[in-house]
Amino acid sequence: MLQFRSKIIVNKSPHSSKDKVIGLIRIVILFQLGIVGATIFGCFMPGKVCDSDVKQHIANMMTVITTSTFALYAAEK
């Protein structure tokens, strides 16, 4: 009698969709940090003045980055 064994193939790709999403979130967070860093650097350039609107924008971006980082941390767990 012949006996057939079937194999169940499970997708154990090292690059699952969850890993791709987490990688994309990391890229977005780093891009946002770059924007904030460039804005802060621009405030120290000669002849440039950072008013309260720019400072508020920097604070808002840092809040968004903090929230995104926490979401990334929670998604990895």
PDB file of N, CA and C in Angstrom:
ATOM      1  N   MET A   1       0.823  -1.177   0.000  1.00  0.00           N
ATOM      2  CA  MET A   1       0.000   0.000   0.000  1.00  0.00           C
ATOM      3  C   MET A   1       0.876   1.251   0.000  1.00  0.00           C
ATOM      4  N   LEU A   2       0.525   2.179  -0.808  1.00  0.00           N
ATOM      5  CA  LEU A   2       1.256   3.443  -0.851  1.00  0.00           C
ATOM      6  C   LEU A   2       0.642   4.429   0.132  1.00  0.00           C
ATOM      7  N   GLN A   3       1.522   5.087   0.792  1.00  0.00           N
ATOM      8  CA  GLN A   3       1.036   6.071   1.759  1.00  0.00           C
ATOM      9  C   GLN A   3       1.619   7.433   1.389  1.00  0.00           C
ATOM     10  N   PHE A   4       0.750   8.401   1.224  1.00  0.00           N
ATOM     11  CA  PHE A   4       1.183   9.746   0.868  1.00  0.00           C
ATOM     12  C   PHE A   4       1.179  10.618   2.113  1.00  0.00           C
ATOM     13  N   ARG A   5       2.239  11.330   2.250  1.00  0.00           N
ATOM     14  CA  ARG A   5       2.304  12.287   3.357  1.00  0.00           C
ATOM     15  C   ARG A   5       2.267  13.689   2.764  1.00  0.00           C
ATOM     16  N   SER A   6       1.400  14.462   3.280  1.00  0.00           N
ATOM     17  CA  SER A   6       1.325  15.838   2.794  1.00  0.00           C
ATOM     18  C   SER A   6       2.045  16.748   3.781  1.00  0.00           C
ATOM     19  N   LYS A   7       2.716  17.695   3.237  1.00  0.00           N
ATOM     20  CA  LYS A   7       3.434  18.661   4.063  1.00  0.00           C
ATOM     21  C   LYS A   7       2.670  19.981   4.040  1.00  0.00           C
ATOM     22  N   ILE A   8       2.564  20.533   5.193  1.00  0.00           N
ATOM     23  CA  ILE A   8       1.953  21.850   5.296  1.00  0.00           C
ATOM     24  C   ILE A   8       3.079  22.870   5.289  1.00  0.00           C
ATOM     25  N   ILE A   9       3.026  23.738   4.324  1.00  0.00           N
ATOM     26  CA  ILE A   9       4.066  24.742   4.191  1.00  0.00           C
ATOM     27  C   ILE A   9       3.606  26.002   4.911  1.00  0.00           C
ATOM     28  N   VAL A  10       4.399  26.397   5.876  1.00  0.00           N
ATOM     29  CA  VAL A  10       4.107  27.598   6.647  1.00  0.00           C
ATOM     30  C   VAL A  10       5.062  28.677   6.176  1.00  0.00           C
ATOM     31  N   ASN A  11       4.523  29.822   5.932  1.00  0.00           N
ATOM     32  CA  ASN A  11       5.344  30.935   5.474  1.00  0.00           C
ATOM     33  C   ASN A  11       6.167  31.461   6.642  1.00  0.00           C
ATOM     34  N   LYS A  12       7.425  31.056   6.682  1.00  0.00           N
ATOM     35  CA  LYS A  12       8.323  31.539   7.725  1.00  0.00           C
ATOM     36  C   LYS A  12       9.387  32.424   7.097  1.00  0.00           C
ATOM     37  N   SER A  13       8.945  33.261   6.234  1.00  0.00           N
ATOM     38  CA  SER A  13       9.849  34.170   5.554  1.00  0.00           C
ATOM     39  C   SER A  13      10.473  35.116   6.571  1.00  0.00           C
ATOM     40  N   PRO A  14      11.758  35.406   6.419  1.00  0.00           N
ATOM     41  CA  PRO A  14      12.378  36.340   7.363  1.00  0.00           C
ATOM     42  C   PRO A  14      11.841  37.760   7.224  1.00  0.00           C
ATOM     43  N   HIS A  15      11.144  38.021   6.145  1.00  0.00           N
ATOM     44  CA  HIS A  15      10.598  39.359   5.920  1.00  0.00           C
ATOM     45  C   HIS A  15       9.074  39.275   5.843  1.00  0.00           C
ATOM     46  N   SER A  16       8.456  38.976   6.960  1.00  0.00           N
ATOM     47  CA  SER A  16       6.997  38.904   6.973  1.00  0.00           C
ATOM     48  C   SER A  16       6.421  40.307   6.845  1.00  0.00           C
ATOM     49  N   SER A  17       5.146  40.390   6.623  1.00  0.00           N
ATOM     50  CA  SER A  17       4.513  41.698   6.438  1.00  0.00           C
ATOM     51  C   SER A  17       4.608  42.540   7.705  1.00  0.00           C
ATOM     52  N   LYS A  18       4.562  41.897   8.875  1.00  0.00           N
ATOM     53  CA  LYS A  18       4.691  42.646  10.130  1.00  0.00           C
ATOM     54  C   LYS A  18       6.071  43.287  10.221  1.00  0.00           C
ATOM     55  N   ASP A  19       7.103  42.544   9.839  1.00  0.00           N
ATOM     56  CA  ASP A  19       8.453  43.101   9.867  1.00  0.00           C
ATOM     57  C   ASP A  19       8.607  44.249   8.877  1.00  0.00           C
ATOM     58  N   LYS A  20       7.951  44.144   7.734  1.00  0.00           N
ATOM     59  CA  LYS A  20       8.016  45.216   6.746  1.00  0.00           C
ATOM     60  C   LYS A  20       7.340  46.478   7.258  1.00  0.00           C
ATOM     61  N   VAL A  21       6.212  46.316   7.926  1.00  0.00           N
ATOM     62  CA  VAL A  21       5.490  47.471   8.479  1.00  0.00           C
ATOM     63  C   VAL A  21       6.315  48.124   9.574  1.00  0.00           C
ATOM     64  N   ILE A  22       6.908  47.315  10.441  1.00  0.00           N
ATOM     65  CA  ILE A  22       7.735  47.862  11.518  1.00  0.00           C
ATOM     66  C   ILE A  22       8.940  48.593  10.932  1.00  0.00           C
ATOM     67  N   GLY A  23       9.540  48.030   9.894  1.00  0.00           N
ATOM     68  CA  GLY A  23      10.656  48.707   9.230  1.00  0.00           C
ATOM     69  C   GLY A  23      10.244  50.039   8.627  1.00  0.00           C
ATOM     70  N   LEU A  24       9.054  50.082   8.036  1.00  0.00           N
ATOM     71  CA  LEU A  24       8.555  51.330   7.468  1.00  0.00           C
ATOM     72  C   LEU A  24       8.312  52.379   8.555  1.00  0.00           C
ATOM     73  N   ILE A  25       7.764  51.943   9.674  1.00  0.00           N
ATOM     74  CA  ILE A  25       7.537  52.880  10.788  1.00  0.00           C
ATOM     75  C   ILE A  25       8.866  53.424  11.284  1.00  0.00           C
ATOM     76  N   ARG A  26       9.886  52.569  11.362  1.00  0.00           N
ATOM     77  CA  ARG A  26      11.217  53.032  11.780  1.00  0.00           C
ATOM     78  C   ARG A  26      11.744  54.107  10.831  1.00  0.00           C
ATOM     79  N   ILE A  27      11.571  53.884   9.543  1.00  0.00           N
ATOM     80  CA  ILE A  27      12.043  54.858   8.556  1.00  0.00           C
ATOM     81  C   ILE A  27      11.309  56.183   8.718  1.00  0.00           C
ATOM     82  N   VAL A  28      10.003  56.120   8.940  1.00  0.00           N
ATOM     83  CA  VAL A  28       9.214  57.347   9.119  1.00  0.00           C
ATOM     84  C   VAL A  28       9.677  58.095  10.373  1.00  0.00           C
ATOM     85  N   ILE A  29       9.915  57.367  11.464  1.00  0.00           N
ATOM     86  CA  ILE A  29      10.366  58.012  12.704  1.00  0.00           C
ATOM     87  C   ILE A  29      11.728  58.672  12.494  1.00  0.00           C
ATOM     88  N   LEU A  30      12.643  57.973  11.824  1.00  0.00           N
ATOM     89  CA  LEU A  30      13.960  58.560  11.562  1.00  0.00           C
ATOM     90  C   LEU A  30      13.854  59.788  10.665  1.00  0.00           C
ATOM     91  N   PHE A  31      12.953  59.748   9.688  1.00  0.00           N
ATOM     92  CA  PHE A  31      12.747  60.905   8.823  1.00  0.00           C
ATOM     93  C   PHE A  31      12.218  62.092   9.627  1.00  0.00           C
ATOM     94  N   GLN A  32      11.269  61.826  10.529  1.00  0.00           N
ATOM     95  CA  GLN A  32      10.728  62.885  11.377  1.00  0.00           C
ATOM     96  C   GLN A  32      11.809  63.456  12.283  1.00  0.00           C
ATOM     97  N   LEU A  33      12.662  62.597  12.839  1.00  0.00           N
ATOM     98  CA  LEU A  33      13.764  63.084  13.668  1.00  0.00           C
ATOM     99  C   LEU A  33      14.711  63.951  12.850  1.00  0.00           C
ATOM    100  N   GLY A  34      14.924  63.581  11.596  1.00  0.00           N
ATOM    101  CA  GLY A  34      15.760  64.390  10.718  1.00  0.00           C
ATOM    102  C   GLY A  34      15.173  65.778  10.484  1.00  0.00           C
ATOM    103  N   ILE A  35      13.853  65.837  10.295  1.00  0.00           N
ATOM    104  CA  ILE A  35      13.189  67.129  10.110  1.00  0.00           C
ATOM    105  C   ILE A  35      13.341  67.996  11.357  1.00  0.00           C
ATOM    106  N   VAL A  36      13.107  67.403  12.524  1.00  0.00           N
ATOM    107  CA  VAL A  36      13.230  68.162  13.775  1.00  0.00           C
ATOM    108  C   VAL A  36      14.664  68.612  13.976  1.00  0.00           C
ATOM    109  N   GLY A  37      15.621  67.708  13.717  1.00  0.00           N
ATOM    110  CA  GLY A  37      17.033  68.067  13.869  1.00  0.00           C
ATOM    111  C   GLY A  37      17.437  69.196  12.940  1.00  0.00           C
ATOM    112  N   ALA A  38      16.988  69.142  11.693  1.00  0.00           N
ATOM    113  CA  ALA A  38      17.308  70.206  10.742  1.00  0.00           C
ATOM    114  C   ALA A  38      16.671  71.530  11.151  1.00  0.00           C
ATOM    115  N   THR A  39      15.464  71.473  11.698  1.00  0.00           N
ATOM    116  CA  THR A  39      14.792  72.694  12.153  1.00  0.00           C
ATOM    117  C   THR A  39      15.534  73.314  13.331  1.00  0.00           C
ATOM    118  N   ILE A  40      15.932  72.465  14.275  1.00  0.00           N
ATOM    119  CA  ILE A  40      16.681  72.984  15.430  1.00  0.00           C
ATOM    120  C   ILE A  40      18.026  73.538  14.981  1.00  0.00           C
ATOM    121  N   PHE A  41      18.700  72.831  14.082  1.00  0.00           N
ATOM    122  CA  PHE A  41      19.975  73.321  13.545  1.00  0.00           C
ATOM    123  C   PHE A  41      19.786  74.661  12.845  1.00  0.00           C
ATOM    124  N   GLY A  42      18.675  74.796  12.112  1.00  0.00           N
ATOM    125  CA  GLY A  42      18.393  76.057  11.426  1.00  0.00           C
ATOM    126  C   GLY A  42      18.174  77.214  12.376  1.00  0.00           C
ATOM    127  N   CYS A  43      17.700  76.931  13.576  1.00  0.00           N
ATOM    128  CA  CYS A  43      17.495  77.993  14.560  1.00  0.00           C
ATOM    129  C   CYS A  43      18.815  78.598  15.024  1.00  0.00           C
ATOM    130  N   PHE A  44      19.900  77.823  14.925  1.00  0.00           N
ATOM    131  CA  PHE A  44      21.203  78.313  15.376  1.00  0.00           C
ATOM    132  C   PHE A  44      22.024  78.934  14.254  1.00  0.00           C
ATOM    133  N   MET A  45      21.491  78.968  13.057  1.00  0.00           N
ATOM    134  CA  MET A  45      22.203  79.587  11.943  1.00  0.00           C
ATOM    135  C   MET A  45      22.196  81.105  12.112  1.00  0.00           C
ATOM    136  N   PRO A  46      23.274  81.751  11.708  1.00  0.00           N
ATOM    137  CA  PRO A  46      23.323  83.218  11.831  1.00  0.00           C
ATOM    138  C   PRO A  46      22.227  83.880  10.989  1.00  0.00           C
ATOM    139  N   GLY A  47      21.567  84.834  11.567  1.00  0.00           N
ATOM    140  CA  GLY A  47      20.533  85.573  10.863  1.00  0.00           C
ATOM    141  C   GLY A  47      19.159  84.930  10.918  1.00  0.00           C
ATOM    142  N   LYS A  48      19.042  83.761  11.495  1.00  0.00           N
ATOM    143  CA  LYS A  48      17.751  83.078  11.596  1.00  0.00           C
ATOM    144  C   LYS A  48      17.202  83.256  13.011  1.00  0.00           C
ATOM    145  N   VAL A  49      15.922  83.488  13.082  1.00  0.00           N
ATOM    146  CA  VAL A  49      15.258  83.652  14.372  1.00  0.00           C
ATOM    147  C   VAL A  49      14.122  82.642  14.452  1.00  0.00           C
ATOM    148  N   CYS A  50      14.103  81.879  15.520  1.00  0.00           N
ATOM    149  CA  CYS A  50      13.017  80.920  15.718  1.00  0.00           C
ATOM    150  C   CYS A  50      11.996  81.550  16.663  1.00  0.00           C
ATOM    151  N   ASP A  51      10.836  81.826  16.123  1.00  0.00           N
ATOM    152  CA  ASP A  51       9.787  82.419  16.934  1.00  0.00           C
ATOM    153  C   ASP A  51       9.010  81.327  17.664  1.00  0.00           C
ATOM    154  N   SER A  52       8.001  81.729  18.362  1.00  0.00           N
ATOM    155  CA  SER A  52       7.226  80.775  19.162  1.00  0.00           C
ATOM    156  C   SER A  52       6.485  79.756  18.291  1.00  0.00           C
ATOM    157  N   ASP A  53       6.128  80.134  17.065  1.00  0.00           N
ATOM    158  CA  ASP A  53       5.453  79.186  16.158  1.00  0.00           C
ATOM    159  C   ASP A  53       6.383  78.027  15.788  1.00  0.00           C
ATOM    160  N   VAL A  54       7.630  78.334  15.494  1.00  0.00           N
ATOM    161  CA  VAL A  54       8.599  77.292  15.146  1.00  0.00           C
ATOM    162  C   VAL A  54       8.846  76.393  16.356  1.00  0.00           C
ATOM    163  N   LYS A  55       8.980  76.987  17.522  1.00  0.00           N
ATOM    164  CA  LYS A  55       9.200  76.203  18.738  1.00  0.00           C
ATOM    165  C   LYS A  55       8.000  75.304  19.030  1.00  0.00           C
ATOM    166  N   GLN A  56       6.807  75.801  18.784  1.00  0.00           N
ATOM    167  CA  GLN A  56       5.607  74.984  18.990  1.00  0.00           C
ATOM    168  C   GLN A  56       5.559  73.841  17.973  1.00  0.00           C
ATOM    169  N   HIS A  57       5.965  74.124  16.740  1.00  0.00           N
ATOM    170  CA  HIS A  57       6.005  73.087  15.714  1.00  0.00           C
ATOM    171  C   HIS A  57       6.997  71.979  16.102  1.00  0.00           C
ATOM    172  N   ILE A  58       8.153  72.376  16.626  1.00  0.00           N
ATOM    173  CA  ILE A  58       9.146  71.393  17.078  1.00  0.00           C
ATOM    174  C   ILE A  58       8.576  70.555  18.213  1.00  0.00           C
ATOM    175  N   ALA A  59       7.910  71.182  19.159  1.00  0.00           N
ATOM    176  CA  ALA A  59       7.312  70.451  20.280  1.00  0.00           C
ATOM    177  C   ALA A  59       6.237  69.481  19.802  1.00  0.00           C
ATOM    178  N   ASN A  60       5.422  69.913  18.846  1.00  0.00           N
ATOM    179  CA  ASN A  60       4.385  69.026  18.294  1.00  0.00           C
ATOM    180  C   ASN A  60       5.001  67.828  17.573  1.00  0.00           C
ATOM    181  N   MET A  61       6.056  68.059  16.791  1.00  0.00           N
ATOM    182  CA  MET A  61       6.727  66.964  16.098  1.00  0.00           C
ATOM    183  C   MET A  61       7.343  65.980  17.085  1.00  0.00           C
ATOM    184  N   MET A  62       7.912  66.482  18.167  1.00  0.00           N
ATOM    185  CA  MET A  62       8.495  65.590  19.174  1.00  0.00           C
ATOM    186  C   MET A  62       7.404  64.750  19.846  1.00  0.00           C
ATOM    187  N   THR A  63       6.224  65.323  20.038  1.00  0.00           N
ATOM    188  CA  THR A  63       5.102  64.560  20.590  1.00  0.00           C
ATOM    189  C   THR A  63       4.689  63.442  19.639  1.00  0.00           C
ATOM    190  N   VAL A  64       4.612  63.753  18.352  1.00  0.00           N
ATOM    191  CA  VAL A  64       4.258  62.747  17.351  1.00  0.00           C
ATOM    192  C   VAL A  64       5.313  61.643  17.306  1.00  0.00           C
ATOM    193  N   ILE A  65       6.581  62.013  17.362  1.00  0.00           N
ATOM    194  CA  ILE A  65       7.662  61.032  17.331  1.00  0.00           C
ATOM    195  C   ILE A  65       7.603  60.136  18.559  1.00  0.00           C
ATOM    196  N   THR A  66       7.346  60.724  19.721  1.00  0.00           N
ATOM    197  CA  THR A  66       7.241  59.934  20.953  1.00  0.00           C
ATOM    198  C   THR A  66       6.090  58.951  20.859  1.00  0.00           C
ATOM    199  N   THR A  67       4.958  59.396  20.368  1.00  0.00           N
ATOM    200  CA  THR A  67       3.802  58.513  20.208  1.00  0.00           C
ATOM    201  C   THR A  67       4.094  57.392  19.209  1.00  0.00           C
ATOM    202  N   SER A  68       4.737  57.734  18.100  1.00  0.00           N
ATOM    203  CA  SER A  68       5.072  56.729  17.092  1.00  0.00           C
ATOM    204  C   SER A  68       6.066  55.711  17.632  1.00  0.00           C
ATOM    205  N   THR A  69       7.024  56.176  18.410  1.00  0.00           N
ATOM    206  CA  THR A  69       8.016  55.272  18.983  1.00  0.00           C
ATOM    207  C   THR A  69       7.367  54.313  19.954  1.00  0.00           C
ATOM    208  N   PHE A  70       6.436  54.806  20.769  1.00  0.00           N
ATOM    209  CA  PHE A  70       5.726  53.926  21.691  1.00  0.00           C
ATOM    210  C   PHE A  70       4.899  52.910  20.932  1.00  0.00           C
ATOM    211  N   ALA A  71       4.256  53.331  19.845  1.00  0.00           N
ATOM    212  CA  ALA A  71       3.470  52.398  19.034  1.00  0.00           C
ATOM    213  C   ALA A  71       4.357  51.331  18.413  1.00  0.00           C
ATOM    214  N   LEU A  72       5.558  51.733  17.959  1.00  0.00           N
ATOM    215  CA  LEU A  72       6.496  50.772  17.402  1.00  0.00           C
ATOM    216  C   LEU A  72       6.941  49.776  18.450  1.00  0.00           C
ATOM    217  N   TYR A  73       7.223  50.268  19.635  1.00  0.00           N
ATOM    218  CA  TYR A  73       7.631  49.396  20.746  1.00  0.00           C
ATOM    219  C   TYR A  73       6.519  48.395  21.079  1.00  0.00           C
ATOM    220  N   ALA A  74       5.288  48.863  21.127  1.00  0.00           N
ATOM    221  CA  ALA A  74       4.156  47.979  21.441  1.00  0.00           C
ATOM    222  C   ALA A  74       3.936  46.959  20.320  1.00  0.00           C
ATOM    223  N   ALA A  75       4.156  47.353  19.082  1.00  0.00           N
ATOM    224  CA  ALA A  75       3.956  46.438  17.962  1.00  0.00           C
ATOM    225  C   ALA A  75       5.008  45.330  17.940  1.00  0.00           C
ATOM    226  N   GLU A  76       6.204  45.647  18.391  1.00  0.00           N
ATOM    227  CA  GLU A  76       7.270  44.644  18.405  1.00  0.00           C
ATOM    228  C   GLU A  76       7.076  43.621  19.486  1.00  0.00           C
ATOM    229  N   LYS A  77       6.381  43.973  20.526  1.00  0.00           N
ATOM    230  CA  LYS A  77       6.155  43.035  21.641  1.00  0.00           C
ATOM    231  C   LYS A  77       5.126  42.069  21.312  1.00  0.00           C
TER     232      LYS A  77
END
